[in-house]
């Protein structure tokens, strides 16, 4: 269901918008509605991607190391003596 809204614009902006819309073969109303749809869709995609990224941060990431089995062997520097 579509609903109307009232929009207040400066006269110069309104004239330029009418000319721009006419060049596009559309109305100011249709042009603004499409722009808002695109911005809302972009914001929803961003929020969805953000939630995926945040959920990935909660999971441990393997960095490919072998793990530390014996701390003493890790710091053994007999080969440097």
PDB file of N, CA and C in Angstrom:
ATOM      1  N   UNK A   1       0.841  -1.174   0.000  1.00  0.00           N
ATOM      2  CA  UNK A   1       0.000   0.000   0.000  1.00  0.00           C
ATOM      3  C   UNK A   1       0.889   1.240   0.000  1.00  0.00           C
ATOM      4  N   UNK A   2       0.674   2.097  -0.947  1.00  0.00           N
ATOM      5  CA  UNK A   2       1.458   3.316  -1.041  1.00  0.00           C
ATOM      6  C   UNK A   2       0.798   4.423  -0.231  1.00  0.00           C
ATOM      7  N   UNK A   3       1.644   5.272   0.353  1.00  0.00           N
ATOM      8  CA  UNK A   3       1.160   6.430   1.094  1.00  0.00           C
ATOM      9  C   UNK A   3       1.900   7.664   0.606  1.00  0.00           C
ATOM     10  N   UNK A   4       1.226   8.768   0.626  1.00  0.00           N
ATOM     11  CA  UNK A   4       1.835  10.025   0.222  1.00  0.00           C
ATOM     12  C   UNK A   4       2.543  10.680   1.398  1.00  0.00           C
ATOM     13  N   UNK A   5       3.604  11.429   1.072  1.00  0.00           N
ATOM     14  CA  UNK A   5       4.294  12.240   2.071  1.00  0.00           C
ATOM     15  C   UNK A   5       4.422  13.650   1.515  1.00  0.00           C
ATOM     16  N   UNK A   6       4.685  14.583   2.395  1.00  0.00           N
ATOM     17  CA  UNK A   6       4.919  15.960   1.973  1.00  0.00           C
ATOM     18  C   UNK A   6       6.401  16.244   2.136  1.00  0.00           C
ATOM     19  N   UNK A   7       6.970  16.878   1.129  1.00  0.00           N
ATOM     20  CA  UNK A   7       8.393  17.178   1.126  1.00  0.00           C
ATOM     21  C   UNK A   7       8.565  18.660   0.844  1.00  0.00           C
ATOM     22  N   UNK A   8       9.315  19.341   1.675  1.00  0.00           N
ATOM     23  CA  UNK A   8       9.566  20.772   1.488  1.00  0.00           C
ATOM     24  C   UNK A   8      10.943  20.957   0.857  1.00  0.00           C
ATOM     25  N   UNK A   9      10.976  21.622  -0.296  1.00  0.00           N
ATOM     26  CA  UNK A   9      12.232  21.877  -1.013  1.00  0.00           C
ATOM     27  C   UNK A   9      12.331  23.360  -1.349  1.00  0.00           C
ATOM     28  N   UNK A  10      13.565  23.835  -1.447  1.00  0.00           N
ATOM     29  CA  UNK A  10      13.778  25.194  -1.957  1.00  0.00           C
ATOM     30  C   UNK A  10      13.307  25.232  -3.406  1.00  0.00           C
ATOM     31  N   UNK A  11      12.866  26.383  -3.855  1.00  0.00           N
ATOM     32  CA  UNK A  11      12.333  26.527  -5.203  1.00  0.00           C
ATOM     33  C   UNK A  11      13.349  26.109  -6.260  1.00  0.00           C
ATOM     34  N   UNK A  12      14.604  26.509  -6.081  1.00  0.00           N
ATOM     35  CA  UNK A  12      15.638  26.166  -7.063  1.00  0.00           C
ATOM     36  C   UNK A  12      15.838  24.651  -7.149  1.00  0.00           C
ATOM     37  N   UNK A  13      15.820  23.996  -5.994  1.00  0.00           N
ATOM     38  CA  UNK A  13      15.997  22.543  -5.962  1.00  0.00           C
ATOM     39  C   UNK A  13      14.806  21.868  -6.626  1.00  0.00           C
ATOM     40  N   UNK A  14      13.619  22.361  -6.353  1.00  0.00           N
ATOM     41  CA  UNK A  14      12.412  21.784  -6.941  1.00  0.00           C
ATOM     42  C   UNK A  14      12.440  21.895  -8.470  1.00  0.00           C
ATOM     43  N   UNK A  15      12.814  23.045  -8.975  1.00  0.00           N
ATOM     44  CA  UNK A  15      12.879  23.237 -10.428  1.00  0.00           C
ATOM     45  C   UNK A  15      13.917  22.292 -11.037  1.00  0.00           C
ATOM     46  N   UNK A  16      15.091  22.218 -10.413  1.00  0.00           N
ATOM     47  CA  UNK A  16      16.148  21.331 -10.916  1.00  0.00           C
ATOM     48  C   UNK A  16      15.700  19.868 -10.847  1.00  0.00           C
ATOM     49  N   UNK A  17      14.987  19.501  -9.797  1.00  0.00           N
ATOM     50  CA  UNK A  17      14.506  18.127  -9.657  1.00  0.00           C
ATOM     51  C   UNK A  17      13.482  17.800 -10.737  1.00  0.00           C
ATOM     52  N   UNK A  18      12.607  18.725 -11.040  1.00  0.00           N
ATOM     53  CA  UNK A  18      11.614  18.505 -12.103  1.00  0.00           C
ATOM     54  C   UNK A  18      12.309  18.297 -13.450  1.00  0.00           C
ATOM     55  N   UNK A  19      13.298  19.129 -13.738  1.00  0.00           N
ATOM     56  CA  UNK A  19      14.034  19.009 -14.991  1.00  0.00           C
ATOM     57  C   UNK A  19      14.771  17.673 -15.035  1.00  0.00           C
ATOM     58  N   UNK A  20      15.440  17.321 -13.949  1.00  0.00           N
ATOM     59  CA  UNK A  20      16.181  16.063 -13.882  1.00  0.00           C
ATOM     60  C   UNK A  20      15.257  14.866 -14.073  1.00  0.00           C
ATOM     61  N   UNK A  21      14.136  14.862 -13.377  1.00  0.00           N
ATOM     62  CA  UNK A  21      13.184  13.762 -13.494  1.00  0.00           C
ATOM     63  C   UNK A  21      12.644  13.664 -14.919  1.00  0.00           C
ATOM     64  N   UNK A  22      12.345  14.812 -15.530  1.00  0.00           N
ATOM     65  CA  UNK A  22      11.830  14.808 -16.903  1.00  0.00           C
ATOM     66  C   UNK A  22      12.868  14.215 -17.866  1.00  0.00           C
ATOM     67  N   UNK A  23      14.123  14.560 -17.667  1.00  0.00           N
ATOM     68  CA  UNK A  23      15.183  13.999 -18.515  1.00  0.00           C
ATOM     69  C   UNK A  23      15.277  12.486 -18.351  1.00  0.00           C
ATOM     70  N   UNK A  24      14.964  11.989 -17.171  1.00  0.00           N
ATOM     71  CA  UNK A  24      15.005  10.552 -16.896  1.00  0.00           C
ATOM     72  C   UNK A  24      13.708   9.860 -17.321  1.00  0.00           C
ATOM     73  N   UNK A  25      12.719  10.644 -17.706  1.00  0.00           N
ATOM     74  CA  UNK A  25      11.437  10.084 -18.123  1.00  0.00           C
ATOM     75  C   UNK A  25      10.612   9.557 -16.961  1.00  0.00           C
ATOM     76  N   UNK A  26      10.743  10.196 -15.814  1.00  0.00           N
ATOM     77  CA  UNK A  26      10.026   9.757 -14.620  1.00  0.00           C
ATOM     78  C   UNK A  26       9.533  10.966 -13.842  1.00  0.00           C
ATOM     79  N   UNK A  27       8.922  10.707 -12.728  1.00  0.00           N
ATOM     80  CA  UNK A  27       8.454  11.800 -11.865  1.00  0.00           C
ATOM     81  C   UNK A  27       9.399  11.953 -10.685  1.00  0.00           C
ATOM     82  N   UNK A  28       9.310  13.086 -10.021  1.00  0.00           N
ATOM     83  CA  UNK A  28      10.116  13.293  -8.814  1.00  0.00           C
ATOM     84  C   UNK A  28       9.758  12.233  -7.784  1.00  0.00           C
ATOM     85  N   UNK A  29       8.476  11.955  -7.642  1.00  0.00           N
ATOM     86  CA  UNK A  29       8.027  10.973  -6.667  1.00  0.00           C
ATOM     87  C   UNK A  29       8.618   9.591  -6.954  1.00  0.00           C
ATOM     88  N   UNK A  30       8.553   9.142  -8.187  1.00  0.00           N
ATOM     89  CA  UNK A  30       9.094   7.830  -8.556  1.00  0.00           C
ATOM     90  C   UNK A  30      10.617   7.800  -8.395  1.00  0.00           C
ATOM     91  N   UNK A  31      11.252   8.897  -8.755  1.00  0.00           N
ATOM     92  CA  UNK A  31      12.704   8.985  -8.647  1.00  0.00           C
ATOM     93  C   UNK A  31      13.138   8.893  -7.184  1.00  0.00           C
ATOM     94  N   UNK A  32      12.461   9.631  -6.297  1.00  0.00           N
ATOM     95  CA  UNK A  32      12.805   9.602  -4.879  1.00  0.00           C
ATOM     96  C   UNK A  32      12.479   8.241  -4.258  1.00  0.00           C
ATOM     97  N   UNK A  33      11.356   7.657  -4.656  1.00  0.00           N
ATOM     98  CA  UNK A  33      10.981   6.342  -4.130  1.00  0.00           C
ATOM     99  C   UNK A  33      12.034   5.293  -4.500  1.00  0.00           C
ATOM    100  N   UNK A  34      12.509   5.316  -5.739  1.00  0.00           N
ATOM    101  CA  UNK A  34      13.531   4.357  -6.171  1.00  0.00           C
ATOM    102  C   UNK A  34      14.840   4.580  -5.416  1.00  0.00           C
ATOM    103  N   UNK A  35      15.216   5.824  -5.242  1.00  0.00           N
ATOM    104  CA  UNK A  35      16.448   6.142  -4.512  1.00  0.00           C
ATOM    105  C   UNK A  35      16.356   5.634  -3.066  1.00  0.00           C
ATOM    106  N   UNK A  36      15.225   5.827  -2.430  1.00  0.00           N
ATOM    107  CA  UNK A  36      15.039   5.350  -1.062  1.00  0.00           C
ATOM    108  C   UNK A  36      15.064   3.824  -0.998  1.00  0.00           C
ATOM    109  N   UNK A  37      14.429   3.159  -1.978  1.00  0.00           N
ATOM    110  CA  UNK A  37      14.461   1.693  -2.020  1.00  0.00           C
ATOM    111  C   UNK A  37      15.905   1.188  -2.111  1.00  0.00           C
ATOM    112  N   UNK A  38      16.695   1.816  -2.955  1.00  0.00           N
ATOM    113  CA  UNK A  38      18.093   1.408  -3.130  1.00  0.00           C
ATOM    114  C   UNK A  38      18.893   1.616  -1.848  1.00  0.00           C
ATOM    115  N   UNK A  39      18.693   2.749  -1.190  1.00  0.00           N
ATOM    116  CA  UNK A  39      19.427   3.032   0.046  1.00  0.00           C
ATOM    117  C   UNK A  39      19.031   2.064   1.158  1.00  0.00           C
ATOM    118  N   UNK A  40      17.756   1.748   1.257  1.00  0.00           N
ATOM    119  CA  UNK A  40      17.291   0.806   2.276  1.00  0.00           C
ATOM    120  C   UNK A  40      17.840  -0.595   1.994  1.00  0.00           C
ATOM    121  N   UNK A  41      17.822  -1.009   0.729  1.00  0.00           N
ATOM    122  CA  UNK A  41      18.363  -2.327   0.362  1.00  0.00           C
ATOM    123  C   UNK A  41      19.854  -2.393   0.671  1.00  0.00           C
ATOM    124  N   UNK A  42      20.579  -1.322   0.365  1.00  0.00           N
ATOM    125  CA  UNK A  42      22.020  -1.277   0.642  1.00  0.00           C
ATOM    126  C   UNK A  42      22.273  -1.373   2.141  1.00  0.00           C
ATOM    127  N   UNK A  43      21.483  -0.669   2.935  1.00  0.00           N
ATOM    128  CA  UNK A  43      21.645  -0.709   4.382  1.00  0.00           C
ATOM    129  C   UNK A  43      21.345  -2.107   4.925  1.00  0.00           C
ATOM    130  N   UNK A  44      20.322  -2.761   4.394  1.00  0.00           N
ATOM    131  CA  UNK A  44      19.993  -4.117   4.843  1.00  0.00           C
ATOM    132  C   UNK A  44      21.107  -5.101   4.496  1.00  0.00           C
ATOM    133  N   UNK A  45      21.690  -4.965   3.294  1.00  0.00           N
ATOM    134  CA  UNK A  45      22.812  -5.842   2.913  1.00  0.00           C
ATOM    135  C   UNK A  45      24.006  -5.615   3.832  1.00  0.00           C
ATOM    136  N   UNK A  46      24.263  -4.347   4.153  1.00  0.00           N
ATOM    137  CA  UNK A  46      25.365  -4.014   5.054  1.00  0.00           C
ATOM    138  C   UNK A  46      25.138  -4.638   6.426  1.00  0.00           C
ATOM    139  N   UNK A  47      23.943  -4.466   6.983  1.00  0.00           N
ATOM    140  CA  UNK A  47      23.640  -5.017   8.305  1.00  0.00           C
ATOM    141  C   UNK A  47      23.753  -6.539   8.312  1.00  0.00           C
ATOM    142  N   UNK A  48      23.302  -7.181   7.232  1.00  0.00           N
ATOM    143  CA  UNK A  48      23.400  -8.635   7.132  1.00  0.00           C
ATOM    144  C   UNK A  48      24.868  -9.065   7.113  1.00  0.00           C
ATOM    145  N   UNK A  49      25.672  -8.401   6.301  1.00  0.00           N
ATOM    146  CA  UNK A  49      27.108  -8.714   6.218  1.00  0.00           C
ATOM    147  C   UNK A  49      27.800  -8.462   7.549  1.00  0.00           C
ATOM    148  N   UNK A  50      27.405  -7.394   8.220  1.00  0.00           N
ATOM    149  CA  UNK A  50      27.980  -7.059   9.524  1.00  0.00           C
ATOM    150  C   UNK A  50      27.688  -8.163  10.530  1.00  0.00           C
ATOM    151  N   UNK A  51      26.457  -8.661  10.550  1.00  0.00           N
ATOM    152  CA  UNK A  51      26.097  -9.736  11.477  1.00  0.00           C
ATOM    153  C   UNK A  51      26.896 -11.010  11.181  1.00  0.00           C
ATOM    154  N   UNK A  52      27.080 -11.320   9.914  1.00  0.00           N
ATOM    155  CA  UNK A  52      27.888 -12.496   9.542  1.00  0.00           C
ATOM    156  C   UNK A  52      29.329 -12.326  10.019  1.00  0.00           C
ATOM    157  N   UNK A  53      29.897 -11.144   9.787  1.00  0.00           N
ATOM    158  CA  UNK A  53      31.279 -10.881  10.193  1.00  0.00           C
ATOM    159  C   UNK A  53      31.422 -10.959  11.708  1.00  0.00           C
ATOM    160  N   UNK A  54      30.470 -10.396  12.452  1.00  0.00           N
ATOM    161  CA  UNK A  54      30.540 -10.446  13.908  1.00  0.00           C
ATOM    162  C   UNK A  54      30.409 -11.872  14.423  1.00  0.00           C
ATOM    163  N   UNK A  55      29.572 -12.670  13.788  1.00  0.00           N
ATOM    164  CA  UNK A  55      29.431 -14.057  14.230  1.00  0.00           C
ATOM    165  C   UNK A  55      30.706 -14.844  13.936  1.00  0.00           C
ATOM    166  N   UNK A  56      31.403 -14.505  12.861  1.00  0.00           N
ATOM    167  CA  UNK A  56      32.658 -15.180  12.531  1.00  0.00           C
ATOM    168  C   UNK A  56      33.739 -14.851  13.559  1.00  0.00           C
ATOM    169  N   UNK A  57      33.686 -13.644  14.128  1.00  0.00           N
ATOM    170  CA  UNK A  57      34.686 -13.255  15.126  1.00  0.00           C
ATOM    171  C   UNK A  57      34.534 -14.041  16.421  1.00  0.00           C
ATOM    172  N   UNK A  58      33.342 -14.584  16.661  1.00  0.00           N
ATOM    173  CA  UNK A  58      33.108 -15.350  17.883  1.00  0.00           C
ATOM    174  C   UNK A  58      33.686 -16.763  17.790  1.00  0.00           C
ATOM    175  N   UNK A  59      34.034 -17.205  16.598  1.00  0.00           N
ATOM    176  CA  UNK A  59      34.586 -18.534  16.404  1.00  0.00           C
ATOM    177  C   UNK A  59      36.109 -18.454  16.386  1.00  0.00           C
ATOM    178  N   UNK A  60      36.795 -19.448  16.958  1.00  0.00           N
ATOM    179  CA  UNK A  60      38.259 -19.413  16.926  1.00  0.00           C
ATOM    180  C   UNK A  60      38.784 -19.618  15.507  1.00  0.00           C
ATOM    181  N   UNK A  61      39.862 -18.953  15.206  1.00  0.00           N
ATOM    182  CA  UNK A  61      40.489 -19.074  13.886  1.00  0.00           C
ATOM    183  C   UNK A  61      41.786 -19.861  14.024  1.00  0.00           C
ATOM    184  N   UNK A  62      41.987 -20.811  13.165  1.00  0.00           N
ATOM    185  CA  UNK A  62      43.227 -21.571  13.163  1.00  0.00           C
ATOM    186  C   UNK A  62      44.274 -20.791  12.387  1.00  0.00           C
ATOM    187  N   UNK A  63      45.411 -20.582  13.015  1.00  0.00           N
ATOM    188  CA  UNK A  63      46.494 -19.858  12.354  1.00  0.00           C
ATOM    189  C   UNK A  63      47.548 -20.800  11.788  1.00  0.00           C
ATOM    190  N   UNK A  64      47.273 -22.091  11.862  1.00  0.00           N
ATOM    191  CA  UNK A  64      48.143 -23.062  11.226  1.00  0.00           C
ATOM    192  C   UNK A  64      49.320 -23.522  12.055  1.00  0.00           C
ATOM    193  N   UNK A  65      49.428 -23.078  13.306  1.00  0.00           N
ATOM    194  CA  UNK A  65      50.537 -23.502  14.146  1.00  0.00           C
ATOM    195  C   UNK A  65      50.357 -24.922  14.637  1.00  0.00           C
ATOM    196  N   UNK A  66      51.435 -25.496  15.151  1.00  0.00           N
ATOM    197  CA  UNK A  66      51.394 -26.871  15.640  1.00  0.00           C
ATOM    198  C   UNK A  66      50.914 -26.961  17.080  1.00  0.00           C
ATOM    199  N   UNK A  67      50.898 -25.867  17.782  1.00  0.00           N
ATOM    200  CA  UNK A  67      50.500 -25.878  19.180  1.00  0.00           C
ATOM    201  C   UNK A  67      51.701 -26.092  20.077  1.00  0.00           C
ATOM    202  N   UNK A  68      51.609 -25.635  21.293  1.00  0.00           N
ATOM    203  CA  UNK A  68      52.700 -25.769  22.256  1.00  0.00           C
ATOM    204  C   UNK A  68      52.426 -27.001  23.099  1.00  0.00           C
ATOM    205  N   UNK A  69      53.320 -27.981  23.002  1.00  0.00           N
ATOM    206  CA  UNK A  69      53.146 -29.202  23.782  1.00  0.00           C
ATOM    207  C   UNK A  69      53.919 -29.119  25.090  1.00  0.00           C
ATOM    208  N   UNK A  70      55.100 -28.536  25.056  1.00  0.00           N
ATOM    209  CA  UNK A  70      55.945 -28.451  26.243  1.00  0.00           C
ATOM    210  C   UNK A  70      56.593 -27.063  26.280  1.00  0.00           C
ATOM    211  N   UNK A  71      56.197 -26.274  27.231  1.00  0.00           N
ATOM    212  CA  UNK A  71      56.701 -24.901  27.324  1.00  0.00           C
ATOM    213  C   UNK A  71      58.216 -24.877  27.524  1.00  0.00           C
ATOM    214  N   UNK A  72      58.743 -25.819  28.265  1.00  0.00           N
ATOM    215  CA  UNK A  72      60.190 -25.857  28.514  1.00  0.00           C
ATOM    216  C   UNK A  72      60.966 -26.092  27.222  1.00  0.00           C
ATOM    217  N   UNK A  73      60.473 -26.988  26.372  1.00  0.00           N
ATOM    218  CA  UNK A  73      61.149 -27.234  25.098  1.00  0.00           C
ATOM    219  C   UNK A  73      61.052 -26.016  24.181  1.00  0.00           C
ATOM    220  N   UNK A  74      59.970 -25.302  24.295  1.00  0.00           N
ATOM    221  CA  UNK A  74      59.770 -24.108  23.477  1.00  0.00           C
ATOM    222  C   UNK A  74      60.870 -23.086  23.747  1.00  0.00           C
ATOM    223  N   UNK A  75      61.268 -22.959  25.019  1.00  0.00           N
ATOM    224  CA  UNK A  75      62.253 -21.954  25.398  1.00  0.00           C
ATOM    225  C   UNK A  75      63.663 -22.534  25.597  1.00  0.00           C
ATOM    226  N   UNK A  76      63.850 -23.790  25.232  1.00  0.00           N
ATOM    227  CA  UNK A  76      65.163 -24.416  25.336  1.00  0.00           C
ATOM    228  C   UNK A  76      66.089 -23.806  24.282  1.00  0.00           C
ATOM    229  N   UNK A  77      67.180 -23.227  24.730  1.00  0.00           N
ATOM    230  CA  UNK A  77      68.094 -22.567  23.808  1.00  0.00           C
ATOM    231  C   UNK A  77      69.494 -23.180  23.906  1.00  0.00           C
ATOM    232  N   UNK A  78      69.530 -24.453  24.114  1.00  0.00           N
ATOM    233  CA  UNK A  78      70.844 -25.115  24.224  1.00  0.00           C
ATOM    234  C   UNK A  78      71.609 -25.004  22.915  1.00  0.00           C
ATOM    235  N   UNK A  79      70.931 -24.937  21.808  1.00  0.00           N
ATOM    236  CA  UNK A  79      71.633 -24.847  20.520  1.00  0.00           C
ATOM    237  C   UNK A  79      72.287 -23.487  20.345  1.00  0.00           C
ATOM    238  N   UNK A  80      71.882 -22.498  21.153  1.00  0.00           N
ATOM    239  CA  UNK A  80      72.478 -21.165  21.041  1.00  0.00           C
ATOM    240  C   UNK A  80      73.686 -21.001  21.955  1.00  0.00           C
ATOM    241  N   UNK A  81      73.928 -21.968  22.817  1.00  0.00           N
ATOM    242  CA  UNK A  81      75.047 -21.859  23.776  1.00  0.00           C
ATOM    243  C   UNK A  81      76.334 -22.343  23.206  1.00  0.00           C
TER     244      UNK A  81
END
